[in-house]
Structure formats: structure tokens, C-alpha cells
Amino acid sequence: MAIEAQYNWHDEAVKCIQAFARLGRPFTAEDVVAEIGPPAGSGKVIGAAFNTVARTSMIWRCGERPADRKTSHRRMLAVWRGGQPVEQIRIFND
């Protein structure tokens, strides 16, 4: 049952990440967890969801920032942004 819950969370996370990507502003895993709640079991499923979407070129890593949650002890989080590679070139060349 735990594996099924992780797959369901993964699917929901992928949909949430895609929705954030369409907004075109930077976001992190904390934003996704705030939106849909934490996964049951291993936190590795969070990274798996981001990798699933990143492989489609719908999102790209645009930086890092310290985590806001106190339990994360200010560890660095990847900051992601939606858009296609052509958009990335435009942003970096502006």
C-alpha cells in the first residue's frame, strides 16, 4: 500500500510541478509540498517527480536558495522555472 501511495503522490506532484511551470515564475520543492502535502514514506519521490518533468524540458533549474522550513536547517534547495530552452536563452541574454 505504501508503494501505491508514493505513485499517487508522484502523479499529483508531476501535475503540480507542471502547473507551477506554466506560471513562468521560480518555484521549489517546498512550494510543491505546500500545495499538495508531503509524500507518504520516502522523500526521494519529490526528486523523482522533478526529474520526470525536467526530462520533458518543461522546467529547468535556474538557481538555489536556502530552505524556509526550520527542520531543513537552511539546506540549499534547487529553484526551478518553467519554459522551453529558447526562453532560457532569452532570459540569460537580457
N, C-alpha and C. Protein backbone atom coordinates (compact mmCIF):
# COMPACT_ATOMS: atom_id res chain seq x y z
N MET A 1 0.82 -1.19 0.00
CA MET A 1 0.00 0.00 0.00
C MET A 1 0.87 1.26 0.00
N ALA A 2 2.00 1.25 0.70
CA ALA A 2 2.87 2.43 0.74
C ALA A 2 3.41 2.76 -0.64
N ILE A 3 3.74 1.75 -1.43
CA ILE A 3 4.24 1.98 -2.78
C ILE A 3 3.16 2.62 -3.63
N GLU A 4 1.93 2.16 -3.49
CA GLU A 4 0.81 2.76 -4.24
C GLU A 4 0.62 4.22 -3.85
N ALA A 5 0.76 4.53 -2.57
CA ALA A 5 0.62 5.92 -2.12
C ALA A 5 1.72 6.79 -2.71
N GLN A 6 2.95 6.25 -2.81
CA GLN A 6 4.04 7.02 -3.40
C GLN A 6 3.78 7.29 -4.88
N TYR A 7 3.26 6.29 -5.60
CA TYR A 7 2.96 6.50 -7.03
C TYR A 7 1.88 7.56 -7.18
N ASN A 8 0.85 7.51 -6.33
CA ASN A 8 -0.21 8.51 -6.41
C ASN A 8 0.34 9.90 -6.10
N TRP A 9 1.22 10.00 -5.09
CA TRP A 9 1.80 11.29 -4.76
C TRP A 9 2.67 11.78 -5.90
N HIS A 10 3.43 10.88 -6.49
CA HIS A 10 4.29 11.23 -7.62
C HIS A 10 3.46 11.81 -8.75
N ASP A 11 2.36 11.17 -9.08
CA ASP A 11 1.50 11.66 -10.16
C ASP A 11 0.93 13.03 -9.83
N GLU A 12 0.50 13.22 -8.60
CA GLU A 12 -0.03 14.52 -8.18
C GLU A 12 1.07 15.58 -8.21
N ALA A 13 2.27 15.20 -7.78
CA ALA A 13 3.40 16.14 -7.79
C ALA A 13 3.74 16.55 -9.21
N VAL A 14 3.76 15.60 -10.14
CA VAL A 14 4.05 15.93 -11.54
C VAL A 14 3.04 16.94 -12.07
N LYS A 15 1.77 16.73 -11.78
CA LYS A 15 0.74 17.68 -12.22
C LYS A 15 0.94 19.05 -11.59
N CYS A 16 1.29 19.07 -10.31
CA CYS A 16 1.52 20.33 -9.61
C CYS A 16 2.73 21.06 -10.17
N ILE A 17 3.82 20.34 -10.42
CA ILE A 17 5.03 20.94 -10.99
C ILE A 17 4.74 21.50 -12.37
N GLN A 18 3.97 20.79 -13.17
CA GLN A 18 3.60 21.28 -14.49
C GLN A 18 2.77 22.55 -14.39
N ALA A 19 1.89 22.61 -13.39
CA ALA A 19 1.08 23.82 -13.19
C ALA A 19 1.96 25.00 -12.79
N PHE A 20 2.91 24.78 -11.86
CA PHE A 20 3.85 25.84 -11.49
C PHE A 20 4.67 26.28 -12.70
N ALA A 21 5.10 25.33 -13.52
CA ALA A 21 5.91 25.65 -14.70
C ALA A 21 5.15 26.57 -15.64
N ARG A 22 3.86 26.36 -15.79
CA ARG A 22 3.05 27.20 -16.69
C ARG A 22 2.95 28.64 -16.21
N LEU A 23 3.13 28.85 -14.90
CA LEU A 23 3.07 30.21 -14.36
C LEU A 23 4.30 31.02 -14.75
N GLY A 24 5.42 30.35 -15.04
CA GLY A 24 6.61 31.03 -15.51
C GLY A 24 7.44 31.70 -14.44
N ARG A 25 7.11 31.50 -13.15
CA ARG A 25 7.93 32.08 -12.10
C ARG A 25 8.70 30.99 -11.36
N PRO A 26 9.77 31.35 -10.70
CA PRO A 26 10.58 30.36 -9.99
C PRO A 26 9.81 29.67 -8.86
N PHE A 27 10.13 28.40 -8.62
CA PHE A 27 9.50 27.63 -7.54
C PHE A 27 10.44 26.54 -7.07
N THR A 28 10.15 25.98 -5.90
CA THR A 28 10.99 24.94 -5.31
C THR A 28 10.12 23.75 -4.89
N ALA A 29 10.80 22.72 -4.40
CA ALA A 29 10.09 21.55 -3.88
C ALA A 29 9.21 21.94 -2.69
N GLU A 30 9.64 22.93 -1.91
CA GLU A 30 8.81 23.39 -0.79
C GLU A 30 7.46 23.92 -1.27
N ASP A 31 7.44 24.58 -2.42
CA ASP A 31 6.19 25.08 -2.97
C ASP A 31 5.25 23.93 -3.34
N VAL A 32 5.82 22.89 -3.92
CA VAL A 32 5.02 21.72 -4.31
C VAL A 32 4.46 21.04 -3.07
N VAL A 33 5.30 20.83 -2.05
CA VAL A 33 4.85 20.18 -0.82
C VAL A 33 3.79 21.04 -0.12
N ALA A 34 3.95 22.36 -0.15
CA ALA A 34 2.96 23.24 0.45
C ALA A 34 1.61 23.13 -0.27
N GLU A 35 1.67 22.88 -1.56
CA GLU A 35 0.44 22.79 -2.37
C GLU A 35 -0.28 21.46 -2.20
N ILE A 36 0.46 20.34 -2.21
CA ILE A 36 -0.21 19.03 -2.20
C ILE A 36 0.09 18.19 -0.97
N GLY A 37 0.93 18.69 -0.07
CA GLY A 37 1.27 17.95 1.14
C GLY A 37 2.49 17.07 0.91
N PRO A 38 3.09 16.61 2.01
CA PRO A 38 4.30 15.79 1.89
C PRO A 38 3.97 14.37 1.43
N PRO A 39 4.94 13.71 0.81
CA PRO A 39 4.70 12.33 0.39
C PRO A 39 4.69 11.38 1.58
N ALA A 40 3.96 10.30 1.43
CA ALA A 40 3.99 9.25 2.45
C ALA A 40 5.24 8.41 2.21
N GLY A 41 6.03 8.21 3.23
CA GLY A 41 7.24 7.40 3.06
C GLY A 41 8.43 8.23 2.68
N SER A 42 9.20 7.74 1.74
CA SER A 42 10.48 8.36 1.36
C SER A 42 10.29 9.71 0.67
N GLY A 43 11.14 10.65 1.05
CA GLY A 43 11.14 11.96 0.41
C GLY A 43 11.79 11.94 -0.96
N LYS A 44 12.40 10.81 -1.32
CA LYS A 44 13.05 10.70 -2.63
C LYS A 44 12.06 10.85 -3.78
N VAL A 45 10.80 10.60 -3.51
CA VAL A 45 9.79 10.70 -4.56
C VAL A 45 9.64 12.16 -5.03
N ILE A 46 10.01 13.10 -4.18
CA ILE A 46 9.95 14.52 -4.57
C ILE A 46 10.92 14.77 -5.72
N GLY A 47 12.15 14.34 -5.55
CA GLY A 47 13.15 14.50 -6.60
C GLY A 47 12.77 13.74 -7.86
N ALA A 48 12.18 12.57 -7.68
CA ALA A 48 11.76 11.77 -8.84
C ALA A 48 10.70 12.52 -9.66
N ALA A 49 9.79 13.20 -8.98
CA ALA A 49 8.76 13.96 -9.69
C ALA A 49 9.38 15.11 -10.47
N PHE A 50 10.33 15.82 -9.86
CA PHE A 50 11.01 16.91 -10.57
C PHE A 50 11.79 16.38 -11.77
N ASN A 51 12.47 15.25 -11.59
CA ASN A 51 13.21 14.66 -12.71
C ASN A 51 12.29 14.26 -13.85
N THR A 52 11.11 13.73 -13.53
CA THR A 52 10.15 13.35 -14.56
C THR A 52 9.79 14.55 -15.43
N VAL A 53 9.52 15.68 -14.79
CA VAL A 53 9.12 16.88 -15.54
C VAL A 53 10.33 17.50 -16.24
N ALA A 54 11.49 17.52 -15.59
CA ALA A 54 12.68 18.12 -16.18
C ALA A 54 13.10 17.39 -17.46
N ARG A 55 12.90 16.08 -17.50
CA ARG A 55 13.27 15.32 -18.70
C ARG A 55 12.42 15.69 -19.90
N THR A 56 11.28 16.32 -19.69
CA THR A 56 10.44 16.76 -20.80
C THR A 56 10.82 18.16 -21.27
N SER A 57 11.80 18.78 -20.62
CA SER A 57 12.24 20.16 -20.89
C SER A 57 11.18 21.19 -20.56
N MET A 58 10.21 20.82 -19.73
CA MET A 58 9.18 21.77 -19.33
C MET A 58 9.69 22.69 -18.22
N ILE A 59 10.65 22.20 -17.41
CA ILE A 59 11.25 23.02 -16.37
C ILE A 59 12.77 22.94 -16.48
N TRP A 60 13.43 23.92 -15.91
CA TRP A 60 14.89 23.92 -15.85
C TRP A 60 15.33 24.56 -14.55
N ARG A 61 16.47 24.11 -14.06
CA ARG A 61 17.00 24.61 -12.79
C ARG A 61 17.63 25.97 -13.03
N CYS A 62 17.16 26.97 -12.28
CA CYS A 62 17.66 28.33 -12.50
C CYS A 62 18.42 28.89 -11.31
N GLY A 63 18.61 28.09 -10.27
CA GLY A 63 19.38 28.58 -9.13
C GLY A 63 19.17 27.74 -7.89
N GLU A 64 19.58 28.32 -6.75
CA GLU A 64 19.43 27.68 -5.45
C GLU A 64 19.06 28.75 -4.43
N ARG A 65 18.42 28.30 -3.35
CA ARG A 65 18.14 29.18 -2.23
C ARG A 65 18.01 28.34 -0.96
N PRO A 66 18.22 28.95 0.20
CA PRO A 66 18.08 28.19 1.44
C PRO A 66 16.61 27.82 1.69
N ALA A 67 16.41 26.66 2.28
CA ALA A 67 15.06 26.20 2.61
C ALA A 67 14.45 27.09 3.69
N ASP A 68 13.14 27.23 3.66
CA ASP A 68 12.43 28.03 4.66
C ASP A 68 12.06 27.21 5.90
N ARG A 69 11.81 25.90 5.71
CA ARG A 69 11.38 25.07 6.84
C ARG A 69 12.51 24.95 7.87
N LYS A 70 12.17 25.13 9.15
CA LYS A 70 13.18 25.03 10.21
C LYS A 70 13.79 23.64 10.27
N THR A 71 13.00 22.60 9.98
CA THR A 71 13.53 21.24 10.05
C THR A 71 14.54 20.95 8.95
N SER A 72 14.59 21.81 7.94
CA SER A 72 15.56 21.63 6.85
C SER A 72 16.91 22.27 7.17
N HIS A 73 16.97 23.06 8.26
CA HIS A 73 18.21 23.69 8.71
C HIS A 73 18.89 24.51 7.61
N ARG A 74 18.08 25.23 6.83
CA ARG A 74 18.57 26.14 5.80
C ARG A 74 19.40 25.47 4.70
N ARG A 75 19.16 24.17 4.48
CA ARG A 75 19.88 23.50 3.39
C ARG A 75 19.46 24.13 2.07
N MET A 76 20.31 23.98 1.08
CA MET A 76 20.05 24.61 -0.21
C MET A 76 19.03 23.79 -1.01
N LEU A 77 18.09 24.49 -1.60
CA LEU A 77 17.07 23.88 -2.46
C LEU A 77 17.28 24.35 -3.90
N ALA A 78 17.02 23.46 -4.82
CA ALA A 78 17.04 23.84 -6.24
C ALA A 78 15.84 24.75 -6.52
N VAL A 79 16.08 25.78 -7.28
CA VAL A 79 15.00 26.66 -7.74
C VAL A 79 14.77 26.32 -9.21
N TRP A 80 13.51 26.09 -9.55
CA TRP A 80 13.13 25.67 -10.91
C TRP A 80 12.26 26.74 -11.53
N ARG A 81 12.23 26.72 -12.84
CA ARG A 81 11.39 27.66 -13.60
C ARG A 81 10.87 26.94 -14.83
N GLY A 82 9.67 27.28 -15.23
CA GLY A 82 9.09 26.68 -16.43
C GLY A 82 9.53 27.41 -17.67
N GLY A 83 9.46 26.72 -18.78
CA GLY A 83 9.80 27.34 -20.05
C GLY A 83 10.63 26.42 -20.92
N GLN A 84 10.67 26.72 -22.16
CA GLN A 84 11.43 25.96 -23.14
C GLN A 84 12.84 26.53 -23.26
N PRO A 85 13.77 25.77 -23.82
CA PRO A 85 15.15 26.25 -23.95
C PRO A 85 15.29 27.60 -24.65
N VAL A 86 14.45 27.90 -25.61
CA VAL A 86 14.52 29.20 -26.29
C VAL A 86 14.27 30.32 -25.28
N GLU A 87 13.33 30.12 -24.36
CA GLU A 87 13.05 31.10 -23.33
C GLU A 87 14.25 31.26 -22.41
N GLN A 88 14.93 30.16 -22.08
CA GLN A 88 16.09 30.22 -21.20
C GLN A 88 17.17 31.10 -21.82
N ILE A 89 17.42 30.95 -23.07
CA ILE A 89 18.42 31.78 -23.76
C ILE A 89 18.03 33.24 -23.70
N ARG A 90 16.77 33.53 -23.92
CA ARG A 90 16.28 34.92 -23.88
C ARG A 90 16.49 35.51 -22.50
N ILE A 91 16.18 34.76 -21.44
CA ILE A 91 16.31 35.26 -20.08
C ILE A 91 17.77 35.56 -19.74
N PHE A 92 18.67 34.65 -20.12
CA PHE A 92 20.07 34.82 -19.79
C PHE A 92 20.74 35.90 -20.63
N ASN A 93 20.21 36.21 -21.78
CA ASN A 93 20.82 37.23 -22.65
C ASN A 93 20.24 38.62 -22.45
N ASP A 94 19.20 38.74 -21.63
CA ASP A 94 18.61 40.06 -21.38
C ASP A 94 19.47 40.92 -20.49
